[in-house]
């Protein structure tokens, strides 16, 4: 196992523990989801064009991340999906 793997595991553990603490304490605006919702202004009754651009950017990053991590898509060392 390389030290890169150890670093990624450590980051995942720190992130997981942080999220669990945020879920457990029941305070507002401390979970990762709530941070994204605040940035994307979820629940805003009159979102602006900039808000929609931010929402689209978040959605595109999440789509890329899902394909990249789960299937290896969009990776220079892997073939592109058909």
Protein backbone atom coordinates (compact mmCIF):
# COMPACT_ATOMS: atom_id res chain seq x y z
CA UNK A 1 0.00 0.00 0.00
CA UNK A 2 1.37 3.37 -0.98
CA UNK A 3 1.33 6.42 1.24
CA UNK A 4 -1.19 7.99 -1.16
CA UNK A 5 -3.67 5.32 -0.18
CA UNK A 6 -3.07 6.00 3.50
CA UNK A 7 -3.67 9.73 2.96
CA UNK A 8 -6.95 9.12 1.06
CA UNK A 9 -8.15 6.71 3.74
CA UNK A 10 -7.26 9.23 6.45
CA UNK A 11 -9.13 12.00 4.62
CA UNK A 12 -12.18 9.74 4.23
CA UNK A 13 -12.11 8.87 7.93
CA UNK A 14 -11.79 12.53 8.97
CA UNK A 15 -14.62 13.50 6.62
CA UNK A 16 -16.79 10.63 7.84
CA UNK A 17 -16.23 11.44 11.50
CA UNK A 18 -16.93 15.13 10.84
CA UNK A 19 -20.20 14.26 9.10
CA UNK A 20 -21.25 11.86 11.86
CA UNK A 21 -20.60 14.50 14.52
CA UNK A 22 -22.61 17.02 12.46
CA UNK A 23 -25.50 14.57 12.10
CA UNK A 24 -25.43 13.63 15.77
CA UNK A 25 -25.44 17.15 17.23
CA UNK A 26 -28.56 18.23 15.25
CA UNK A 27 -27.35 21.81 14.75
CA UNK A 28 -28.23 23.56 11.52
CA UNK A 29 -25.80 24.21 8.66
CA UNK A 30 -23.04 21.87 9.75
CA UNK A 31 -23.45 18.84 7.46
CA UNK A 32 -21.85 18.65 4.03
CA UNK A 33 -25.28 18.57 2.38
CA UNK A 34 -26.35 21.71 4.18
CA UNK A 35 -23.21 23.52 2.99
CA UNK A 36 -23.99 22.56 -0.61
CA UNK A 37 -27.64 23.58 -0.17
CA UNK A 38 -26.57 26.97 1.17
CA UNK A 39 -24.17 27.50 -1.74
CA UNK A 40 -26.81 26.40 -4.28
CA UNK A 41 -29.50 28.36 -2.43
CA UNK A 42 -31.88 25.42 -2.24
CA UNK A 43 -35.32 26.62 -1.24
CA UNK A 44 -34.76 30.12 -2.64
CA UNK A 45 -38.07 31.29 -4.07
CA UNK A 46 -36.45 33.52 -6.70
CA UNK A 47 -33.11 32.05 -7.80
CA UNK A 48 -31.01 34.20 -10.12
CA UNK A 49 -29.17 33.11 -13.24
CA UNK A 50 -25.95 32.89 -11.20
CA UNK A 51 -27.64 30.50 -8.77
CA UNK A 52 -28.62 28.25 -11.70
CA UNK A 53 -25.04 28.35 -13.02
CA UNK A 54 -23.76 27.32 -9.57
CA UNK A 55 -26.35 24.52 -9.37
CA UNK A 56 -25.41 23.26 -12.84
CA UNK A 57 -21.71 23.35 -11.94
CA UNK A 58 -22.34 21.31 -8.78
CA UNK A 59 -24.43 18.81 -10.75
CA UNK A 60 -21.75 18.44 -13.44
CA UNK A 61 -19.02 17.89 -10.86
CA UNK A 62 -21.15 15.24 -9.12
CA UNK A 63 -21.87 13.45 -12.42
CA UNK A 64 -18.17 13.49 -13.29
CA UNK A 65 -17.22 12.24 -9.82
CA UNK A 66 -19.75 9.39 -9.92
CA UNK A 67 -18.59 8.17 -13.33
CA UNK A 68 -14.94 8.65 -12.51
CA UNK A 69 -14.96 6.87 -9.15
CA UNK A 70 -17.43 4.08 -9.90
CA UNK A 71 -16.57 3.21 -13.51
CA UNK A 72 -13.19 4.82 -14.19
CA UNK A 73 -14.61 7.10 -16.88
CA UNK A 74 -12.86 10.31 -17.82
CA UNK A 75 -9.50 9.02 -16.67
CA UNK A 76 -6.46 9.50 -18.94
CA UNK A 77 -5.22 5.95 -18.27
CA UNK A 78 -8.58 4.28 -18.99
CA UNK A 79 -10.47 3.98 -22.28
CA UNK A 80 -13.50 6.21 -22.80
CA UNK A 81 -16.91 4.57 -22.52
CA UNK A 82 -18.82 3.88 -25.72
